[in-house]
Amino acid sequence: MDWFVLKKIVSNYLQPLSIAVESLASGLILLGLSTWGAKSGKRSRLRRWLRHTGLAFLIMATMFLYLCSTASVAEALAYSLERQYPPMKEDSEDFRALDPEFIVVLAGGWRVGENAPVTSRVLPPTETRVIEAVRLAALFPKARLAFTGIPREVESMADLAKLMGVAPDRILLESRSRDTDDHPKFLKPILGESSFLLVTSGMQLPRAVSLFRGAGLDPVPMPTDLWSYPDFLARSPYQWDRLVPKASYLEMTDVALHEILGRLYSNLRGDAADEVRRPAVVEL
């Protein structure tokens, strides 16, 4: 089996909802097995163990799913990632000193095929990244946009950028990358020693920057699609509405844990930079 496919299968089973459902199913199975042989009175010790273990699985799964679905947990995880590379202010010295040759945009997923409108062919994270890249392209008119991902993603990203007024000759497509680990590998021959901005979601930036620097590239992080930064610390985590579970917070937790586990995987493989060098930035 392709290692990439195996990695994707395993990662799907490590999502918060998957973990909760797997644990709930395990608990129900154990509770069902605990009733086996109850009439004969045999294996009472084993039945007690199965019943107690099954109940423990059910309780832990329910609490885990609840916590992952609350703002207090989800936003804390998101903030821990997004705060590592805050956005730059356009009037800051660091921003004015930039002179990128490329604006690299990482794909964030696609939705449907080419017969749909371009605004429906990409997932919201991808759309947000393209919008941010187009904004930066207007500020740095000499820079070329480099979209990286699978063919359907980058083609849709390019179509969206053109729809927003970017000239086709400013767009470059890298369509061999299947995930974040692949982007620096396939972009390095294209970028060479060129200076470039790296545009992706704030939660993905720590892993992406580490991988690019591990490949010998030196990106300038440009976060977008922020979920929690910079407002997380401005609100009390104990307000009643922040303890109400919501699907949007479960999604936020899912994205954050995916990035945390992805960074751990990259570190174990030795693909990431040992020391992340953060540029001087001005927080909003």
C-alpha atoms as a PDB file:
ATOM      1  CA  MET A   1       0.000   0.000   0.000  1.00  0.00           C
ATOM      2  CA  ASP A   2       1.135   3.530  -0.812  1.00  0.00           C
ATOM      3  CA  TRP A   3       2.590   5.155   2.330  1.00  0.00           C
ATOM      4  CA  PHE A   4       0.669   8.346   1.572  1.00  0.00           C
ATOM      5  CA  VAL A   5      -2.648   6.437   1.454  1.00  0.00           C
ATOM      6  CA  LEU A   6      -1.821   4.640   4.710  1.00  0.00           C
ATOM      7  CA  LYS A   7      -0.975   7.945   6.382  1.00  0.00           C
ATOM      8  CA  LYS A   8      -4.285   9.452   5.287  1.00  0.00           C
ATOM      9  CA  ILE A   9      -6.260   6.421   6.519  1.00  0.00           C
ATOM     10  CA  VAL A  10      -4.585   6.534   9.928  1.00  0.00           C
ATOM     11  CA  SER A  11      -5.082  10.305  10.226  1.00  0.00           C
ATOM     12  CA  ASN A  12      -8.813   9.912   9.527  1.00  0.00           C
ATOM     13  CA  TYR A  13      -9.126   7.571  12.488  1.00  0.00           C
ATOM     14  CA  LEU A  14      -7.306  10.065  14.731  1.00  0.00           C
ATOM     15  CA  GLN A  15      -9.835  12.867  14.280  1.00  0.00           C
ATOM     16  CA  PRO A  16     -11.751  13.883  17.438  1.00  0.00           C
ATOM     17  CA  LEU A  17     -15.121  12.702  16.121  1.00  0.00           C
ATOM     18  CA  SER A  18     -13.641   9.414  14.928  1.00  0.00           C
ATOM     19  CA  ILE A  19     -11.958   8.812  18.278  1.00  0.00           C
ATOM     20  CA  ALA A  20     -15.201   9.546  20.130  1.00  0.00           C
ATOM     21  CA  VAL A  21     -17.308   7.283  17.898  1.00  0.00           C
ATOM     22  CA  GLU A  22     -14.732   4.486  18.066  1.00  0.00           C
ATOM     23  CA  SER A  23     -14.672   4.738  21.866  1.00  0.00           C
ATOM     24  CA  LEU A  24     -18.470   4.819  22.112  1.00  0.00           C
ATOM     25  CA  ALA A  25     -18.725   1.759  19.876  1.00  0.00           C
ATOM     26  CA  SER A  26     -16.089  -0.061  21.926  1.00  0.00           C
ATOM     27  CA  GLY A  27     -17.954   0.770  25.138  1.00  0.00           C
ATOM     28  CA  LEU A  28     -21.253  -0.544  23.763  1.00  0.00           C
ATOM     29  CA  ILE A  29     -19.601  -3.745  22.553  1.00  0.00           C
ATOM     30  CA  LEU A  30     -17.990  -4.336  25.931  1.00  0.00           C
ATOM     31  CA  LEU A  31     -21.309  -3.722  27.692  1.00  0.00           C
ATOM     32  CA  GLY A  32     -22.989  -6.177  25.344  1.00  0.00           C
ATOM     33  CA  LEU A  33     -20.341  -8.816  26.039  1.00  0.00           C
ATOM     34  CA  SER A  34     -20.759  -8.274  29.772  1.00  0.00           C
ATOM     35  CA  THR A  35     -24.245  -9.799  29.574  1.00  0.00           C
ATOM     36  CA  TRP A  36     -22.938 -13.030  28.044  1.00  0.00           C
ATOM     37  CA  GLY A  37     -23.327 -15.956  30.425  1.00  0.00           C
ATOM     38  CA  ALA A  38     -25.259 -13.872  32.933  1.00  0.00           C
ATOM     39  CA  LYS A  39     -28.027 -16.505  33.377  1.00  0.00           C
ATOM     40  CA  SER A  40     -25.601 -19.283  34.201  1.00  0.00           C
ATOM     41  CA  GLY A  41     -23.733 -17.105  36.671  1.00  0.00           C
ATOM     42  CA  LYS A  42     -20.403 -18.072  35.149  1.00  0.00           C
ATOM     43  CA  ARG A  43     -17.501 -15.732  34.493  1.00  0.00           C
ATOM     44  CA  SER A  44     -18.899 -13.120  36.889  1.00  0.00           C
ATOM     45  CA  ARG A  45     -15.465 -11.503  37.377  1.00  0.00           C
ATOM     46  CA  LEU A  46     -14.942 -11.190  33.628  1.00  0.00           C
ATOM     47  CA  ARG A  47     -18.457  -9.774  33.197  1.00  0.00           C
ATOM     48  CA  ARG A  48     -17.834  -7.153  35.842  1.00  0.00           C
ATOM     49  CA  TRP A  49     -14.589  -6.144  34.164  1.00  0.00           C
ATOM     50  CA  LEU A  50     -16.312  -5.868  30.776  1.00  0.00           C
ATOM     51  CA  ARG A  51     -19.170  -3.819  32.263  1.00  0.00           C
ATOM     52  CA  HIS A  52     -16.906  -1.416  34.129  1.00  0.00           C
ATOM     53  CA  THR A  53     -14.532  -1.008  31.184  1.00  0.00           C
ATOM     54  CA  GLY A  54     -17.440  -0.466  28.800  1.00  0.00           C
ATOM     55  CA  LEU A  55     -18.909   2.220  31.054  1.00  0.00           C
ATOM     56  CA  ALA A  56     -15.504   3.875  31.338  1.00  0.00           C
ATOM     57  CA  PHE A  57     -15.223   3.999  27.529  1.00  0.00           C
ATOM     58  CA  LEU A  58     -18.681   5.555  27.242  1.00  0.00           C
ATOM     59  CA  ILE A  59     -18.004   8.199  29.887  1.00  0.00           C
ATOM     60  CA  MET A  60     -14.566   9.133  28.539  1.00  0.00           C
ATOM     61  CA  ALA A  61     -15.809   9.279  24.943  1.00  0.00           C
ATOM     62  CA  THR A  62     -18.731  11.506  25.890  1.00  0.00           C
ATOM     63  CA  MET A  63     -16.537  13.897  27.879  1.00  0.00           C
ATOM     64  CA  PHE A  64     -13.878  13.948  25.158  1.00  0.00           C
ATOM     65  CA  LEU A  65     -16.446  14.772  22.470  1.00  0.00           C
ATOM     66  CA  TYR A  66     -18.011  17.441  24.677  1.00  0.00           C
ATOM     67  CA  LEU A  67     -14.709  19.159  25.477  1.00  0.00           C
ATOM     68  CA  CYS A  68     -13.578  19.097  21.834  1.00  0.00           C
ATOM     69  CA  SER A  69     -16.865  20.787  20.877  1.00  0.00           C
ATOM     70  CA  THR A  70     -16.561  23.759  23.249  1.00  0.00           C
ATOM     71  CA  ALA A  71     -15.034  27.155  22.534  1.00  0.00           C
ATOM     72  CA  SER A  72     -12.747  27.049  25.561  1.00  0.00           C
ATOM     73  CA  VAL A  73     -10.845  24.009  24.280  1.00  0.00           C
ATOM     74  CA  ALA A  74     -11.095  24.640  20.538  1.00  0.00           C
ATOM     75  CA  GLU A  75     -10.007  28.277  20.633  1.00  0.00           C
ATOM     76  CA  ALA A  76      -7.173  27.562  23.057  1.00  0.00           C
ATOM     77  CA  LEU A  77      -5.753  24.948  20.670  1.00  0.00           C
ATOM     78  CA  ALA A  78      -6.208  27.236  17.666  1.00  0.00           C
ATOM     79  CA  TYR A  79      -4.632  30.199  19.481  1.00  0.00           C
ATOM     80  CA  SER A  80      -1.595  28.134  20.500  1.00  0.00           C
ATOM     81  CA  LEU A  81      -0.835  27.625  16.800  1.00  0.00           C
ATOM     82  CA  GLU A  82      -1.955  30.947  15.327  1.00  0.00           C
ATOM     83  CA  ARG A  83      -0.039  33.099  17.814  1.00  0.00           C
ATOM     84  CA  GLN A  84       3.270  31.680  16.565  1.00  0.00           C
ATOM     85  CA  TYR A  85       3.079  33.710  13.346  1.00  0.00           C
ATOM     86  CA  PRO A  86       0.862  36.786  13.805  1.00  0.00           C
ATOM     87  CA  PRO A  87      -0.087  38.919  10.795  1.00  0.00           C
ATOM     88  CA  MET A  88       2.101  41.858   9.862  1.00  0.00           C
ATOM     89  CA  LYS A  89       0.746  45.370   9.767  1.00  0.00           C
ATOM     90  CA  GLU A  90       1.064  46.932   6.342  1.00  0.00           C
ATOM     91  CA  ASP A  91       2.537  50.118   7.796  1.00  0.00           C
ATOM     92  CA  SER A  92       5.243  48.288   9.754  1.00  0.00           C
ATOM     93  CA  GLU A  93       8.905  48.532   8.761  1.00  0.00           C
ATOM     94  CA  ASP A  94       9.154  44.767   8.326  1.00  0.00           C
ATOM     95  CA  PHE A  95       6.279  44.740   5.862  1.00  0.00           C
ATOM     96  CA  ARG A  96       7.550  47.731   3.892  1.00  0.00           C
ATOM     97  CA  ALA A  97      10.969  46.062   3.610  1.00  0.00           C
ATOM     98  CA  LEU A  98       9.537  43.026   1.841  1.00  0.00           C
ATOM     99  CA  ASP A  99      10.289  42.544  -1.854  1.00  0.00           C
ATOM    100  CA  PRO A 100       9.088  39.020  -2.697  1.00  0.00           C
ATOM    101  CA  GLU A 101       9.552  37.385  -6.064  1.00  0.00           C
ATOM    102  CA  PHE A 102       6.846  34.804  -5.360  1.00  0.00           C
ATOM    103  CA  ILE A 103       3.696  34.526  -3.283  1.00  0.00           C
ATOM    104  CA  VAL A 104       3.290  30.828  -2.510  1.00  0.00           C
ATOM    105  CA  VAL A 105      -0.243  29.672  -1.683  1.00  0.00           C
ATOM    106  CA  LEU A 106      -0.900  26.235  -0.187  1.00  0.00           C
ATOM    107  CA  ALA A 107      -4.084  24.484  -1.273  1.00  0.00           C
ATOM    108  CA  GLY A 108      -6.636  23.663   1.401  1.00  0.00           C
ATOM    109  CA  GLY A 109      -9.002  21.260  -0.338  1.00  0.00           C
ATOM    110  CA  TRP A 110     -11.502  21.249  -3.176  1.00  0.00           C
ATOM    111  CA  ARG A 111     -15.214  20.464  -3.204  1.00  0.00           C
ATOM    112  CA  VAL A 112     -16.702  19.625  -6.615  1.00  0.00           C
ATOM    113  CA  GLY A 113     -15.690  19.315 -10.270  1.00  0.00           C
ATOM    114  CA  GLU A 114     -14.922  21.751 -13.045  1.00  0.00           C
ATOM    115  CA  ASN A 115     -18.546  22.133 -14.184  1.00  0.00           C
ATOM    116  CA  ALA A 116     -19.424  24.008 -10.974  1.00  0.00           C
ATOM    117  CA  PRO A 117     -18.820  27.755 -10.521  1.00  0.00           C
ATOM    118  CA  VAL A 118     -15.255  28.524  -9.491  1.00  0.00           C
ATOM    119  CA  THR A 119     -16.450  29.842  -6.122  1.00  0.00           C
ATOM    120  CA  SER A 120     -17.920  26.394  -5.382  1.00  0.00           C
ATOM    121  CA  ARG A 121     -14.964  24.300  -6.514  1.00  0.00           C
ATOM    122  CA  VAL A 122     -12.732  25.000  -3.519  1.00  0.00           C
ATOM    123  CA  LEU A 123     -13.242  24.650   0.214  1.00  0.00           C
ATOM    124  CA  PRO A 124     -13.476  27.830   2.350  1.00  0.00           C
ATOM    125  CA  PRO A 125      -9.853  27.616   3.600  1.00  0.00           C
ATOM    126  CA  THR A 126      -8.575  27.484   0.019  1.00  0.00           C
ATOM    127  CA  GLU A 127     -10.800  30.358  -1.037  1.00  0.00           C
ATOM    128  CA  THR A 128      -9.596  32.489   1.886  1.00  0.00           C
ATOM    129  CA  ARG A 129      -5.963  31.793   1.024  1.00  0.00           C
ATOM    130  CA  VAL A 130      -6.487  32.798  -2.595  1.00  0.00           C
ATOM    131  CA  ILE A 131      -8.205  36.028  -1.534  1.00  0.00           C
ATOM    132  CA  GLU A 132      -5.289  36.875   0.768  1.00  0.00           C
ATOM    133  CA  ALA A 133      -2.798  36.051  -1.988  1.00  0.00           C
ATOM    134  CA  VAL A 134      -4.608  38.343  -4.427  1.00  0.00           C
ATOM    135  CA  ARG A 135      -4.546  41.119  -1.806  1.00  0.00           C
ATOM    136  CA  LEU A 136      -0.796  40.659  -1.411  1.00  0.00           C
ATOM    137  CA  ALA A 137      -0.335  40.491  -5.177  1.00  0.00           C
ATOM    138  CA  ALA A 138      -1.837  43.979  -5.424  1.00  0.00           C
ATOM    139  CA  LEU A 139       0.658  45.235  -2.817  1.00  0.00           C
ATOM    140  CA  PHE A 140       3.614  43.503  -4.507  1.00  0.00           C
ATOM    141  CA  PRO A 141       2.944  43.848  -8.253  1.00  0.00           C
ATOM    142  CA  LYS A 142       6.269  42.258  -9.273  1.00  0.00           C
ATOM    143  CA  ALA A 143       5.587  39.011  -7.399  1.00  0.00           C
ATOM    144  CA  ARG A 144       4.227  35.915  -9.132  1.00  0.00           C
ATOM    145  CA  LEU A 145       1.577  33.722  -7.493  1.00  0.00           C
ATOM    146  CA  ALA A 146       2.555  30.075  -7.070  1.00  0.00           C
ATOM    147  CA  PHE A 147      -0.367  27.785  -6.256  1.00  0.00           C
ATOM    148  CA  THR A 148       0.612  24.355  -4.966  1.00  0.00           C
ATOM    149  CA  GLY A 149      -1.558  21.263  -4.497  1.00  0.00           C
ATOM    150  CA  ILE A 150      -3.228  18.570  -6.585  1.00  0.00           C
ATOM    151  CA  PRO A 151      -4.321  19.484 -10.144  1.00  0.00           C
ATOM    152  CA  ARG A 152      -7.995  20.150  -9.385  1.00  0.00           C
ATOM    153  CA  GLU A 153      -7.080  22.404  -6.476  1.00  0.00           C
ATOM    154  CA  VAL A 154      -4.475  24.559  -8.191  1.00  0.00           C
ATOM    155  CA  GLU A 155      -6.508  24.916 -11.374  1.00  0.00           C
ATOM    156  CA  SER A 156      -9.503  26.132  -9.377  1.00  0.00           C
ATOM    157  CA  MET A 157      -7.287  28.452  -7.335  1.00  0.00           C
ATOM    158  CA  ALA A 158      -5.862  29.926 -10.515  1.00  0.00           C
ATOM    159  CA  ASP A 159      -9.340  30.402 -11.982  1.00  0.00           C
ATOM    160  CA  LEU A 160     -10.446  32.184  -8.819  1.00  0.00           C
ATOM    161  CA  ALA A 161      -7.388  34.461  -8.875  1.00  0.00           C
ATOM    162  CA  LYS A 162      -8.022  35.330 -12.525  1.00  0.00           C
ATOM    163  CA  LEU A 163     -11.648  36.065 -11.687  1.00  0.00           C
ATOM    164  CA  MET A 164     -10.363  38.562  -9.120  1.00  0.00           C
ATOM    165  CA  GLY A 165      -8.209  40.336 -11.678  1.00  0.00           C
ATOM    166  CA  VAL A 166      -4.803  38.638 -11.509  1.00  0.00           C
ATOM    167  CA  ALA A 167      -3.118  38.426 -14.913  1.00  0.00           C
ATOM    168  CA  PRO A 168      -2.586  34.838 -16.133  1.00  0.00           C
ATOM    169  CA  ASP A 169       1.127  35.445 -16.747  1.00  0.00           C
ATOM    170  CA  ARG A 170       1.602  36.116 -13.021  1.00  0.00           C
ATOM    171  CA  ILE A 171       0.278  32.662 -12.057  1.00  0.00           C
ATOM    172  CA  LEU A 172       2.386  29.525 -11.673  1.00  0.00           C
ATOM    173  CA  LEU A 173       0.956  26.078 -10.875  1.00  0.00           C
ATOM    174  CA  GLU A 174       2.685  23.275  -8.978  1.00  0.00           C
ATOM    175  CA  SER A 175       0.319  20.288  -9.144  1.00  0.00           C
ATOM    176  CA  ARG A 176       2.304  17.305  -7.853  1.00  0.00           C
ATOM    177  CA  SER A 177       1.992  18.035  -4.113  1.00  0.00           C
ATOM    178  CA  ARG A 178      -0.542  15.834  -2.352  1.00  0.00           C
ATOM    179  CA  ASP A 179      -0.133  17.270   1.153  1.00  0.00           C
ATOM    180  CA  THR A 180       1.847  19.733   3.269  1.00  0.00           C
ATOM    181  CA  ASP A 181       4.918  17.485   3.333  1.00  0.00           C
ATOM    182  CA  ASP A 182       5.142  17.601  -0.470  1.00  0.00           C
ATOM    183  CA  HIS A 183       4.925  21.375  -0.996  1.00  0.00           C
ATOM    184  CA  PRO A 184       8.540  22.329  -0.199  1.00  0.00           C
ATOM    185  CA  LYS A 185       9.909  19.280  -2.012  1.00  0.00           C
ATOM    186  CA  PHE A 186       8.271  20.165  -5.334  1.00  0.00           C
ATOM    187  CA  LEU A 187       8.519  23.943  -4.958  1.00  0.00           C
ATOM    188  CA  LYS A 188      12.235  24.062  -4.173  1.00  0.00           C
ATOM    189  CA  PRO A 189      13.355  23.590  -7.812  1.00  0.00           C
ATOM    190  CA  ILE A 190      10.925  26.345  -8.847  1.00  0.00           C
ATOM    191  CA  LEU A 191      11.733  28.871  -6.118  1.00  0.00           C
ATOM    192  CA  GLY A 192      15.467  28.332  -5.915  1.00  0.00           C
ATOM    193  CA  GLU A 193      16.978  31.188  -3.908  1.00  0.00           C
ATOM    194  CA  SER A 194      14.049  33.535  -4.595  1.00  0.00           C
ATOM    195  CA  SER A 195      12.397  35.435  -1.755  1.00  0.00           C
ATOM    196  CA  PHE A 196       8.768  34.497  -1.225  1.00  0.00           C
ATOM    197  CA  LEU A 197       5.758  34.935   0.997  1.00  0.00           C
ATOM    198  CA  LEU A 198       4.029  31.817   2.297  1.00  0.00           C
ATOM    199  CA  VAL A 199       0.244  32.138   2.456  1.00  0.00           C
ATOM    200  CA  THR A 200      -1.818  29.558   4.307  1.00  0.00           C
ATOM    201  CA  SER A 201      -4.126  29.215   7.292  1.00  0.00           C
ATOM    202  CA  GLY A 202      -2.752  30.441  10.596  1.00  0.00           C
ATOM    203  CA  MET A 203      -3.027  27.035  12.213  1.00  0.00           C
ATOM    204  CA  GLN A 204      -1.074  25.367   9.392  1.00  0.00           C
ATOM    205  CA  LEU A 205       1.746  27.907   9.289  1.00  0.00           C
ATOM    206  CA  PRO A 206       3.907  26.496  12.128  1.00  0.00           C
ATOM    207  CA  ARG A 207       4.088  23.080  10.439  1.00  0.00           C
ATOM    208  CA  ALA A 208       4.415  24.512   6.927  1.00  0.00           C
ATOM    209  CA  VAL A 209       7.167  26.974   7.861  1.00  0.00           C
ATOM    210  CA  SER A 210       9.075  24.253   9.688  1.00  0.00           C
ATOM    211  CA  LEU A 211       8.866  21.951   6.641  1.00  0.00           C
ATOM    212  CA  PHE A 212       9.952  24.681   4.223  1.00  0.00           C
ATOM    213  CA  ARG A 213      12.891  25.623   6.419  1.00  0.00           C
ATOM    214  CA  GLY A 214      13.736  21.967   6.845  1.00  0.00           C
ATOM    215  CA  ALA A 215      14.006  21.817   3.038  1.00  0.00           C
ATOM    216  CA  GLY A 216      16.416  24.759   3.006  1.00  0.00           C
ATOM    217  CA  LEU A 217      13.891  27.432   2.023  1.00  0.00           C
ATOM    218  CA  ASP A 218      13.231  30.647   3.940  1.00  0.00           C
ATOM    219  CA  PRO A 219       9.581  31.726   3.661  1.00  0.00           C
ATOM    220  CA  VAL A 220       8.038  34.885   5.085  1.00  0.00           C
ATOM    221  CA  PRO A 221       4.865  33.670   6.865  1.00  0.00           C
ATOM    222  CA  MET A 222       1.614  35.355   5.839  1.00  0.00           C
ATOM    223  CA  PRO A 223      -1.265  33.915   7.894  1.00  0.00           C
ATOM    224  CA  THR A 224      -4.896  34.000   6.877  1.00  0.00           C
ATOM    225  CA  ASP A 225      -8.063  32.064   7.774  1.00  0.00           C
ATOM    226  CA  LEU A 226      -7.556  32.886  11.487  1.00  0.00           C
ATOM    227  CA  TRP A 227     -10.029  31.236  13.884  1.00  0.00           C
ATOM    228  CA  SER A 228      -8.962  32.481  17.322  1.00  0.00           C
ATOM    229  CA  TYR A 229      -6.117  35.006  17.116  1.00  0.00           C
ATOM    230  CA  PRO A 230      -5.990  37.699  18.442  1.00  0.00           C
ATOM    231  CA  ASP A 231      -9.251  37.679  20.436  1.00  0.00           C
ATOM    232  CA  PHE A 232      -8.882  34.490  22.482  1.00  0.00           C
ATOM    233  CA  LEU A 233      -7.336  36.104  25.565  1.00  0.00           C
ATOM    234  CA  ALA A 234      -9.784  39.010  25.449  1.00  0.00           C
ATOM    235  CA  ARG A 235     -12.717  36.828  26.551  1.00  0.00           C
ATOM    236  CA  SER A 236     -13.287  34.754  29.649  1.00  0.00           C
ATOM    237  CA  PRO A 237     -13.201  31.002  28.908  1.00  0.00           C
ATOM    238  CA  TYR A 238     -15.890  30.418  31.556  1.00  0.00           C
ATOM    239  CA  GLN A 239     -18.810  32.283  29.991  1.00  0.00           C
ATOM    240  CA  TRP A 240     -21.821  29.982  29.681  1.00  0.00           C
ATOM    241  CA  ASP A 241     -22.084  30.251  25.899  1.00  0.00           C
ATOM    242  CA  ARG A 242     -18.461  29.120  25.528  1.00  0.00           C
ATOM    243  CA  LEU A 243     -19.319  25.876  27.303  1.00  0.00           C
ATOM    244  CA  VAL A 244     -22.126  24.984  24.879  1.00  0.00           C
ATOM    245  CA  PRO A 245     -20.934  22.337  22.378  1.00  0.00           C
ATOM    246  CA  LYS A 246     -21.090  23.323  18.715  1.00  0.00           C
ATOM    247  CA  ALA A 247     -20.075  21.623  15.480  1.00  0.00           C
ATOM    248  CA  SER A 248     -17.955  24.624  14.467  1.00  0.00           C
ATOM    249  CA  TYR A 249     -15.806  24.254  17.588  1.00  0.00           C
ATOM    250  CA  LEU A 250     -15.413  20.519  16.938  1.00  0.00           C
ATOM    251  CA  GLU A 251     -14.149  21.384  13.450  1.00  0.00           C
ATOM    252  CA  MET A 252     -11.709  23.901  14.949  1.00  0.00           C
ATOM    253  CA  THR A 253     -10.384  21.277  17.355  1.00  0.00           C
ATOM    254  CA  ASP A 254     -10.092  18.799  14.516  1.00  0.00           C
ATOM    255  CA  VAL A 255      -7.981  21.194  12.418  1.00  0.00           C
ATOM    256  CA  ALA A 256      -5.758  22.105  15.377  1.00  0.00           C
ATOM    257  CA  LEU A 257      -5.115  18.498  16.400  1.00  0.00           C
ATOM    258  CA  HIS A 258      -4.429  17.578  12.770  1.00  0.00           C
ATOM    259  CA  GLU A 259      -1.706  20.222  12.639  1.00  0.00           C
ATOM    260  CA  ILE A 260      -0.242  19.248  16.010  1.00  0.00           C
ATOM    261  CA  LEU A 261      -0.081  15.564  15.050  1.00  0.00           C
ATOM    262  CA  GLY A 262       1.235  16.477  11.597  1.00  0.00           C
ATOM    263  CA  ARG A 263       4.055  18.503  13.147  1.00  0.00           C
ATOM    264  CA  LEU A 264       4.910  15.594  15.441  1.00  0.00           C
ATOM    265  CA  TYR A 265       4.969  13.229  12.456  1.00  0.00           C
ATOM    266  CA  SER A 266       7.251  15.578  10.501  1.00  0.00           C
ATOM    267  CA  ASN A 267       9.599  15.902  13.468  1.00  0.00           C
ATOM    268  CA  LEU A 268       9.790  12.127  13.851  1.00  0.00           C
ATOM    269  CA  ARG A 269      10.646  11.761  10.165  1.00  0.00           C
ATOM    270  CA  GLY A 270      13.250  14.510  10.394  1.00  0.00           C
ATOM    271  CA  ASP A 271      11.634  16.624   7.660  1.00  0.00           C
ATOM    272  CA  ALA A 272      11.023  19.699   9.812  1.00  0.00           C
ATOM    273  CA  ALA A 273      13.542  22.309  10.868  1.00  0.00           C
ATOM    274  CA  ASP A 274      14.973  21.661  14.326  1.00  0.00           C
ATOM    275  CA  GLU A 275      14.731  25.321  15.275  1.00  0.00           C
ATOM    276  CA  VAL A 276      12.007  27.594  13.918  1.00  0.00           C
ATOM    277  CA  ARG A 277      13.291  31.108  13.255  1.00  0.00           C
ATOM    278  CA  ARG A 278      10.481  33.612  13.572  1.00  0.00           C
ATOM    279  CA  PRO A 279      10.721  36.943  11.770  1.00  0.00           C
ATOM    280  CA  ALA A 280      10.131  40.195  13.572  1.00  0.00           C
ATOM    281  CA  VAL A 281       6.415  40.942  13.350  1.00  0.00           C
ATOM    282  CA  VAL A 282       4.008  43.474  14.684  1.00  0.00           C
ATOM    283  CA  GLU A 283       0.992  41.915  16.340  1.00  0.00           C
ATOM    284  CA  LEU A 284      -2.424  43.339  15.615  1.00  0.00           C
END
